[in-house]
C-alpha cells in the first residue's frame, strides 16, 4: 500500500522584515495562493495542508488557505516543529513534504523528483539543498512521519523548534539523501520573499511569465531572468543578507 504523503506549507501573518507578506498581491492572487496551487500540482502528493498559527492575528492567512481549498491546521506560533507534527497527525500522513509559504515559484516537478528520490533510496529525510544547487526559492524537504515524531520528541534547541528540520538534518542516526540541481548560475538565483525588494522582483517576474500551469518550470523562470538581467538585479543585494 502506498504511503500517504502530505505537503505541509507553514504560513503566518507576522514577519519581522515584511509583515503579511504571504497575503501580498502577486499577478491577481496572493503569494500564498500561488504557493498552494503549485503544491497541489506535485505528482505523488495526497493532500496539501497549510499549517497556520492558532492566534487571531493569523486568521486572515487561515481564511485565504481555506479559500484556496486546502486543508488548514492551526497550531503553535513559535514552536513550528510542534505545529508540523500535529498537522501531520491531523492529515494522517505517513510522509511529510515541507514547503515554506514565501516561495511562489516553487516547482512542482522538482518536488515530485524529490518524492521519487526519497522512495527509491528508502531514507528518513531528503532535501534539495545539502549543498545548495538550485535557485533559493525551490527548496523542499521530505521526511517520514516517524522521523518527524522523533524530532518533535527530541529536539530542544530554539532553532530546531522554529525551523522544523535542523534536528533531522544533523542527527547522525537519520538516513539522508539530497536531490542535486543544475548548479552553476542557478545557485546564485534568489526566488524567495523576505524583503520589499523581493516582492518588487516577483511582481516583475510574474508580469512576464505565461499563465499557469505553463509557468511552473524553473527553467522558464531562469531563462526569463537571463533575458532580463535588470529584473534579477532588483533583489540581488538581498543575497548578501542573512536568510531566515
C-alpha atoms as a PDB file:
ATOM      1  CA  UNK A   1       0.000   0.000   0.000  1.00  0.00           C
ATOM      2  CA  UNK A   2       1.317   3.448  -0.903  1.00  0.00           C
ATOM      3  CA  UNK A   3       2.271   5.773   1.906  1.00  0.00           C
ATOM      4  CA  UNK A   4       0.106   8.863   2.348  1.00  0.00           C
ATOM      5  CA  UNK A   5       2.135  11.976   1.528  1.00  0.00           C
ATOM      6  CA  UNK A   6       1.103  15.342   2.942  1.00  0.00           C
ATOM      7  CA  UNK A   7       2.608  18.566   1.625  1.00  0.00           C
ATOM      8  CA  UNK A   8       2.571  20.915   4.614  1.00  0.00           C
ATOM      9  CA  UNK A   9       3.098  24.612   3.982  1.00  0.00           C
ATOM     10  CA  UNK A  10       3.812  26.767   7.028  1.00  0.00           C
ATOM     11  CA  UNK A  11       2.374  30.276   6.846  1.00  0.00           C
ATOM     12  CA  UNK A  12       1.824  33.111   9.295  1.00  0.00           C
ATOM     13  CA  UNK A  13       0.816  36.757   9.307  1.00  0.00           C
ATOM     14  CA  UNK A  14       3.759  38.055  11.330  1.00  0.00           C
ATOM     15  CA  UNK A  15       7.144  38.587   9.726  1.00  0.00           C
ATOM     16  CA  UNK A  16       9.945  40.775  11.016  1.00  0.00           C
ATOM     17  CA  UNK A  17      11.068  42.003   7.616  1.00  0.00           C
ATOM     18  CA  UNK A  18       7.819  42.051   5.644  1.00  0.00           C
ATOM     19  CA  UNK A  19       4.676  41.593   7.777  1.00  0.00           C
ATOM     20  CA  UNK A  20       1.760  39.971   5.974  1.00  0.00           C
ATOM     21  CA  UNK A  21       3.975  39.005   3.057  1.00  0.00           C
ATOM     22  CA  UNK A  22       2.078  35.811   2.194  1.00  0.00           C
ATOM     23  CA  UNK A  23      -1.084  37.853   1.548  1.00  0.00           C
ATOM     24  CA  UNK A  24       0.616  40.372  -0.730  1.00  0.00           C
ATOM     25  CA  UNK A  25      -0.900  40.601  -4.208  1.00  0.00           C
ATOM     26  CA  UNK A  26       1.019  38.906  -6.999  1.00  0.00           C
ATOM     27  CA  UNK A  27      -0.417  38.658 -10.534  1.00  0.00           C
ATOM     28  CA  UNK A  28      -4.001  38.845  -9.299  1.00  0.00           C
ATOM     29  CA  UNK A  29      -3.573  36.310  -6.489  1.00  0.00           C
ATOM     30  CA  UNK A  30      -1.924  36.260  -3.094  1.00  0.00           C
ATOM     31  CA  UNK A  31       1.591  34.906  -2.695  1.00  0.00           C
ATOM     32  CA  UNK A  32       0.103  32.107  -0.587  1.00  0.00           C
ATOM     33  CA  UNK A  33      -2.372  31.162  -3.315  1.00  0.00           C
ATOM     34  CA  UNK A  34       0.459  30.738  -5.811  1.00  0.00           C
ATOM     35  CA  UNK A  35       2.370  28.500  -3.399  1.00  0.00           C
ATOM     36  CA  UNK A  36      -0.628  26.333  -2.538  1.00  0.00           C
ATOM     37  CA  UNK A  37      -1.687  25.957  -6.175  1.00  0.00           C
ATOM     38  CA  UNK A  38       1.780  24.804  -7.167  1.00  0.00           C
ATOM     39  CA  UNK A  39       1.888  22.370  -4.253  1.00  0.00           C
ATOM     40  CA  UNK A  40      -1.395  20.919  -5.486  1.00  0.00           C
ATOM     41  CA  UNK A  41       0.383  20.054  -8.761  1.00  0.00           C
ATOM     42  CA  UNK A  42       3.034  17.874  -7.081  1.00  0.00           C
ATOM     43  CA  UNK A  43       2.833  14.362  -8.511  1.00  0.00           C
ATOM     44  CA  UNK A  44       2.635  11.839  -5.682  1.00  0.00           C
ATOM     45  CA  UNK A  45       1.187  14.176  -3.046  1.00  0.00           C
ATOM     46  CA  UNK A  46      -2.116  13.087  -1.475  1.00  0.00           C
ATOM     47  CA  UNK A  47      -3.058  16.206   0.471  1.00  0.00           C
ATOM     48  CA  UNK A  48      -1.918  19.825   0.786  1.00  0.00           C
ATOM     49  CA  UNK A  49      -2.135  21.344   4.253  1.00  0.00           C
ATOM     50  CA  UNK A  50      -1.474  24.924   5.344  1.00  0.00           C
ATOM     51  CA  UNK A  51      -0.165  24.981   8.931  1.00  0.00           C
ATOM     52  CA  UNK A  52      -1.093  28.348  10.442  1.00  0.00           C
ATOM     53  CA  UNK A  53      -0.554  29.744  13.962  1.00  0.00           C
ATOM     54  CA  UNK A  54      -3.593  29.497  16.215  1.00  0.00           C
ATOM     55  CA  UNK A  55      -3.627  33.181  17.217  1.00  0.00           C
ATOM     56  CA  UNK A  56      -6.246  35.593  15.896  1.00  0.00           C
ATOM     57  CA  UNK A  57      -3.527  37.609  14.153  1.00  0.00           C
ATOM     58  CA  UNK A  58      -3.117  34.828  11.588  1.00  0.00           C
ATOM     59  CA  UNK A  59      -6.834  34.360  10.940  1.00  0.00           C
ATOM     60  CA  UNK A  60      -6.568  36.123   7.540  1.00  0.00           C
ATOM     61  CA  UNK A  61      -3.943  33.570   6.487  1.00  0.00           C
ATOM     62  CA  UNK A  62      -6.161  30.659   7.515  1.00  0.00           C
ATOM     63  CA  UNK A  63      -9.107  32.224   5.687  1.00  0.00           C
ATOM     64  CA  UNK A  64      -7.066  32.588   2.486  1.00  0.00           C
ATOM     65  CA  UNK A  65      -5.826  28.986   2.713  1.00  0.00           C
ATOM     66  CA  UNK A  66      -9.412  27.793   3.131  1.00  0.00           C
ATOM     67  CA  UNK A  67     -10.416  29.878   0.090  1.00  0.00           C
ATOM     68  CA  UNK A  68      -7.698  28.061  -1.848  1.00  0.00           C
ATOM     69  CA  UNK A  69      -9.327  24.744  -0.971  1.00  0.00           C
ATOM     70  CA  UNK A  70      -6.549  23.161   1.067  1.00  0.00           C
ATOM     71  CA  UNK A  71      -6.679  21.567   4.494  1.00  0.00           C
ATOM     72  CA  UNK A  72      -5.893  24.038   7.299  1.00  0.00           C
ATOM     73  CA  UNK A  73      -4.339  23.181  10.634  1.00  0.00           C
ATOM     74  CA  UNK A  74      -3.861  25.711  13.454  1.00  0.00           C
ATOM     75  CA  UNK A  75      -1.020  25.239  15.940  1.00  0.00           C
ATOM     76  CA  UNK A  76       1.812  26.885  17.843  1.00  0.00           C
ATOM     77  CA  UNK A  77       3.119  30.225  16.572  1.00  0.00           C
ATOM     78  CA  UNK A  78       6.679  29.818  17.867  1.00  0.00           C
ATOM     79  CA  UNK A  79       7.136  26.029  18.063  1.00  0.00           C
ATOM     80  CA  UNK A  80       6.786  25.343  14.346  1.00  0.00           C
ATOM     81  CA  UNK A  81       8.130  21.809  14.743  1.00  0.00           C
ATOM     82  CA  UNK A  82       5.227  21.041  17.086  1.00  0.00           C
ATOM     83  CA  UNK A  83       2.846  22.679  14.595  1.00  0.00           C
ATOM     84  CA  UNK A  84       4.204  20.453  11.824  1.00  0.00           C
ATOM     85  CA  UNK A  85       3.983  17.309  13.931  1.00  0.00           C
ATOM     86  CA  UNK A  86       0.355  17.884  14.869  1.00  0.00           C
ATOM     87  CA  UNK A  87      -0.537  18.964  11.328  1.00  0.00           C
ATOM     88  CA  UNK A  88       0.921  15.679  10.054  1.00  0.00           C
ATOM     89  CA  UNK A  89      -1.140  13.787  12.638  1.00  0.00           C
ATOM     90  CA  UNK A  90      -4.232  15.676  11.549  1.00  0.00           C
ATOM     91  CA  UNK A  91      -3.529  14.765   7.902  1.00  0.00           C
ATOM     92  CA  UNK A  92      -2.880  11.091   8.775  1.00  0.00           C
ATOM     93  CA  UNK A  93       0.423  11.444   6.945  1.00  0.00           C
ATOM     94  CA  UNK A  94       2.956   8.655   6.605  1.00  0.00           C
ATOM     95  CA  UNK A  95       5.352  11.031   4.836  1.00  0.00           C
ATOM     96  CA  UNK A  96       5.608  14.822   5.029  1.00  0.00           C
ATOM     97  CA  UNK A  97       6.938  17.232   2.410  1.00  0.00           C
ATOM     98  CA  UNK A  98       7.835  20.667   3.760  1.00  0.00           C
ATOM     99  CA  UNK A  99       7.438  23.795   1.646  1.00  0.00           C
ATOM    100  CA  UNK A 100       7.525  27.342   3.000  1.00  0.00           C
ATOM    101  CA  UNK A 101       4.945  29.957   2.055  1.00  0.00           C
ATOM    102  CA  UNK A 102       7.454  32.553   0.846  1.00  0.00           C
ATOM    103  CA  UNK A 103       8.385  30.655  -2.330  1.00  0.00           C
ATOM    104  CA  UNK A 104       5.758  31.454  -5.016  1.00  0.00           C
ATOM    105  CA  UNK A 105       7.957  29.948  -7.744  1.00  0.00           C
ATOM    106  CA  UNK A 106       8.219  26.526  -6.070  1.00  0.00           C
ATOM    107  CA  UNK A 107       8.461  23.974  -8.890  1.00  0.00           C
ATOM    108  CA  UNK A 108       6.049  21.002  -8.626  1.00  0.00           C
ATOM    109  CA  UNK A 109       8.272  18.892 -10.888  1.00  0.00           C
ATOM    110  CA  UNK A 110      11.310  19.371  -8.628  1.00  0.00           C
ATOM    111  CA  UNK A 111       9.197  18.448  -5.599  1.00  0.00           C
ATOM    112  CA  UNK A 112       7.957  15.340  -7.434  1.00  0.00           C
ATOM    113  CA  UNK A 113      11.541  14.332  -8.203  1.00  0.00           C
ATOM    114  CA  UNK A 114      12.359  14.628  -4.503  1.00  0.00           C
ATOM    115  CA  UNK A 115       9.483  12.280  -3.664  1.00  0.00           C
ATOM    116  CA  UNK A 116      10.851   9.770  -6.178  1.00  0.00           C
ATOM    117  CA  UNK A 117      14.339  10.027  -4.669  1.00  0.00           C
ATOM    118  CA  UNK A 118      13.000   9.618  -1.124  1.00  0.00           C
ATOM    119  CA  UNK A 119      11.167   6.446  -2.059  1.00  0.00           C
ATOM    120  CA  UNK A 120      13.964   4.996  -4.193  1.00  0.00           C
ATOM    121  CA  UNK A 121      16.636   5.409  -1.532  1.00  0.00           C
ATOM    122  CA  UNK A 122      14.415   4.469   1.447  1.00  0.00           C
ATOM    123  CA  UNK A 123      15.791   7.270   3.606  1.00  0.00           C
ATOM    124  CA  UNK A 124      14.385   9.082   6.638  1.00  0.00           C
ATOM    125  CA  UNK A 125      14.957  12.553   5.227  1.00  0.00           C
ATOM    126  CA  UNK A 126      15.711  14.063   1.832  1.00  0.00           C
ATOM    127  CA  UNK A 127      16.061  17.604   0.550  1.00  0.00           C
ATOM    128  CA  UNK A 128      17.428  19.550  -2.402  1.00  0.00           C
ATOM    129  CA  UNK A 129      19.784  21.982  -0.650  1.00  0.00           C
ATOM    130  CA  UNK A 130      22.550  19.953   1.036  1.00  0.00           C
ATOM    131  CA  UNK A 131      24.555  21.519  -0.591  1.00  0.00           C
ATOM    132  CA  UNK A 132      22.638  24.252  -2.442  1.00  0.00           C
ATOM    133  CA  UNK A 133      22.500  23.675  -6.210  1.00  0.00           C
ATOM    134  CA  UNK A 134      19.069  25.078  -7.110  1.00  0.00           C
ATOM    135  CA  UNK A 135      17.760  28.657  -7.059  1.00  0.00           C
ATOM    136  CA  UNK A 136      16.986  29.745  -3.492  1.00  0.00           C
ATOM    137  CA  UNK A 137      13.201  29.502  -3.502  1.00  0.00           C
ATOM    138  CA  UNK A 138      12.887  25.984  -4.898  1.00  0.00           C
ATOM    139  CA  UNK A 139      13.804  24.495  -1.512  1.00  0.00           C
ATOM    140  CA  UNK A 140      11.798  21.480  -0.403  1.00  0.00           C
ATOM    141  CA  UNK A 141      12.264  18.704   2.137  1.00  0.00           C
ATOM    142  CA  UNK A 142      10.626  15.325   2.701  1.00  0.00           C
ATOM    143  CA  UNK A 143      10.733  13.023   5.707  1.00  0.00           C
ATOM    144  CA  UNK A 144       8.890  10.121   7.236  1.00  0.00           C
ATOM    145  CA  UNK A 145       6.293  10.773   9.913  1.00  0.00           C
ATOM    146  CA  UNK A 146       8.326   8.569  12.241  1.00  0.00           C
ATOM    147  CA  UNK A 147      11.368  10.798  11.747  1.00  0.00           C
ATOM    148  CA  UNK A 148       9.238  13.889  12.369  1.00  0.00           C
ATOM    149  CA  UNK A 149       7.906  12.328  15.577  1.00  0.00           C
ATOM    150  CA  UNK A 150      11.465  11.657  16.762  1.00  0.00           C
ATOM    151  CA  UNK A 151      12.399  15.271  16.045  1.00  0.00           C
ATOM    152  CA  UNK A 152       9.336  16.570  17.868  1.00  0.00           C
ATOM    153  CA  UNK A 153      10.229  14.440  20.888  1.00  0.00           C
ATOM    154  CA  UNK A 154      13.982  15.066  20.989  1.00  0.00           C
ATOM    155  CA  UNK A 155      14.736  18.498  19.504  1.00  0.00           C
ATOM    156  CA  UNK A 156      15.394  21.019  22.251  1.00  0.00           C
ATOM    157  CA  UNK A 157      17.259  23.985  20.737  1.00  0.00           C
ATOM    158  CA  UNK A 158      15.203  27.050  19.825  1.00  0.00           C
ATOM    159  CA  UNK A 159      16.444  26.902  16.231  1.00  0.00           C
ATOM    160  CA  UNK A 160      15.372  23.248  15.969  1.00  0.00           C
ATOM    161  CA  UNK A 161      11.843  24.072  17.137  1.00  0.00           C
ATOM    162  CA  UNK A 162      11.454  27.203  14.994  1.00  0.00           C
ATOM    163  CA  UNK A 163      12.831  25.865  11.709  1.00  0.00           C
ATOM    164  CA  UNK A 164      11.404  22.305  11.894  1.00  0.00           C
ATOM    165  CA  UNK A 165      14.168  20.264  10.278  1.00  0.00           C
ATOM    166  CA  UNK A 166      17.616  21.173  11.757  1.00  0.00           C
ATOM    167  CA  UNK A 167      17.453  18.127  14.044  1.00  0.00           C
ATOM    168  CA  UNK A 168      16.661  15.865  11.082  1.00  0.00           C
ATOM    169  CA  UNK A 169      19.455  17.420   9.024  1.00  0.00           C
ATOM    170  CA  UNK A 170      22.111  16.921  11.703  1.00  0.00           C
ATOM    171  CA  UNK A 171      21.168  13.825  13.703  1.00  0.00           C
ATOM    172  CA  UNK A 172      23.701  11.069  12.900  1.00  0.00           C
ATOM    173  CA  UNK A 173      21.053   8.336  13.050  1.00  0.00           C
ATOM    174  CA  UNK A 174      18.979   9.810  10.243  1.00  0.00           C
ATOM    175  CA  UNK A 175      19.478   8.322   6.769  1.00  0.00           C
ATOM    176  CA  UNK A 176      19.579  11.271   4.389  1.00  0.00           C
ATOM    177  CA  UNK A 177      19.663  11.984   0.655  1.00  0.00           C
ATOM    178  CA  UNK A 178      19.989  15.101  -1.475  1.00  0.00           C
ATOM    179  CA  UNK A 179      18.485  15.897  -4.878  1.00  0.00           C
ATOM    180  CA  UNK A 180      21.262  17.639  -6.797  1.00  0.00           C
ATOM    181  CA  UNK A 181      20.304  20.542  -9.007  1.00  0.00           C
ATOM    182  CA  UNK A 182      21.821  22.098 -12.106  1.00  0.00           C
ATOM    183  CA  UNK A 183      24.314  24.196 -10.136  1.00  0.00           C
ATOM    184  CA  UNK A 184      26.211  26.937 -11.932  1.00  0.00           C
ATOM    185  CA  UNK A 185      24.470  30.285 -12.060  1.00  0.00           C
ATOM    186  CA  UNK A 186      21.233  28.689 -10.823  1.00  0.00           C
ATOM    187  CA  UNK A 187      22.684  28.513  -7.310  1.00  0.00           C
ATOM    188  CA  UNK A 188      23.066  32.310  -7.170  1.00  0.00           C
ATOM    189  CA  UNK A 189      19.437  32.987  -8.130  1.00  0.00           C
ATOM    190  CA  UNK A 190      17.179  34.301  -5.356  1.00  0.00           C
ATOM    191  CA  UNK A 191      13.470  33.431  -5.661  1.00  0.00           C
ATOM    192  CA  UNK A 192      12.236  33.817  -2.082  1.00  0.00           C
ATOM    193  CA  UNK A 193      10.214  36.549  -0.365  1.00  0.00           C
ATOM    194  CA  UNK A 194      11.843  38.172   2.652  1.00  0.00           C
ATOM    195  CA  UNK A 195      12.299  41.833   1.758  1.00  0.00           C
ATOM    196  CA  UNK A 196      10.360  44.545  -0.108  1.00  0.00           C
ATOM    197  CA  UNK A 197      12.855  44.228  -2.968  1.00  0.00           C
ATOM    198  CA  UNK A 198      11.893  40.554  -3.298  1.00  0.00           C
ATOM    199  CA  UNK A 199       8.235  41.500  -3.713  1.00  0.00           C
ATOM    200  CA  UNK A 200       9.130  44.004  -6.441  1.00  0.00           C
ATOM    201  CA  UNK A 201      11.211  41.269  -8.087  1.00  0.00           C
ATOM    202  CA  UNK A 202       8.341  38.752  -8.053  1.00  0.00           C
ATOM    203  CA  UNK A 203       5.861  41.249  -9.447  1.00  0.00           C
ATOM    204  CA  UNK A 204       8.232  41.994 -12.310  1.00  0.00           C
ATOM    205  CA  UNK A 205       8.781  38.284 -12.991  1.00  0.00           C
ATOM    206  CA  UNK A 206       5.097  37.346 -12.918  1.00  0.00           C
ATOM    207  CA  UNK A 207       4.246  40.154 -15.324  1.00  0.00           C
ATOM    208  CA  UNK A 208       6.319  38.346 -17.953  1.00  0.00           C
ATOM    209  CA  UNK A 209       5.600  34.702 -17.122  1.00  0.00           C
ATOM    210  CA  UNK A 210       2.848  32.870 -19.029  1.00  0.00           C
ATOM    211  CA  UNK A 211      -0.228  31.738 -17.125  1.00  0.00           C
ATOM    212  CA  UNK A 212      -0.300  28.574 -15.041  1.00  0.00           C
ATOM    213  CA  UNK A 213       0.419  25.762 -15.489  1.00  0.00           C
ATOM    214  CA  UNK A 214       2.916  26.636 -18.202  1.00  0.00           C
ATOM    215  CA  UNK A 215       4.959  28.864 -15.894  1.00  0.00           C
ATOM    216  CA  UNK A 216       5.787  26.434 -13.123  1.00  0.00           C
ATOM    217  CA  UNK A 217       9.045  25.055 -14.559  1.00  0.00           C
ATOM    218  CA  UNK A 218      12.178  26.615 -13.097  1.00  0.00           C
ATOM    219  CA  UNK A 219      13.988  26.623 -16.454  1.00  0.00           C
ATOM    220  CA  UNK A 220      11.490  29.091 -17.922  1.00  0.00           C
ATOM    221  CA  UNK A 221      11.964  31.497 -14.999  1.00  0.00           C
ATOM    222  CA  UNK A 222      15.738  31.187 -15.181  1.00  0.00           C
ATOM    223  CA  UNK A 223      15.736  31.959 -18.899  1.00  0.00           C
ATOM    224  CA  UNK A 224      13.470  34.946 -18.335  1.00  0.00           C
ATOM    225  CA  UNK A 225      15.993  36.340 -15.836  1.00  0.00           C
ATOM    226  CA  UNK A 226      18.882  35.767 -18.212  1.00  0.00           C
ATOM    227  CA  UNK A 227      16.943  37.681 -20.853  1.00  0.00           C
ATOM    228  CA  UNK A 228      16.092  40.440 -18.352  1.00  0.00           C
ATOM    229  CA  UNK A 229      19.093  40.970 -16.079  1.00  0.00           C
ATOM    230  CA  UNK A 230      17.535  44.208 -14.856  1.00  0.00           C
ATOM    231  CA  UNK A 231      14.877  42.121 -13.071  1.00  0.00           C
ATOM    232  CA  UNK A 232      17.445  39.831 -11.465  1.00  0.00           C
ATOM    233  CA  UNK A 233      19.233  42.958 -10.227  1.00  0.00           C
ATOM    234  CA  UNK A 234      16.179  44.147  -8.255  1.00  0.00           C
ATOM    235  CA  UNK A 235      16.838  41.864  -5.272  1.00  0.00           C
ATOM    236  CA  UNK A 236      20.472  40.944  -5.937  1.00  0.00           C
ATOM    237  CA  UNK A 237      21.649  42.737  -2.791  1.00  0.00           C
ATOM    238  CA  UNK A 238      19.301  40.600  -0.670  1.00  0.00           C
ATOM    239  CA  UNK A 239      21.540  37.568  -1.281  1.00  0.00           C
ATOM    240  CA  UNK A 240      24.143  39.171   0.962  1.00  0.00           C
ATOM    241  CA  UNK A 241      21.764  39.479   3.908  1.00  0.00           C
ATOM    242  CA  UNK A 242      21.144  36.795   6.477  1.00  0.00           C
ATOM    243  CA  UNK A 243      18.405  34.453   5.304  1.00  0.00           C
ATOM    244  CA  UNK A 244      15.555  33.480   7.651  1.00  0.00           C
END
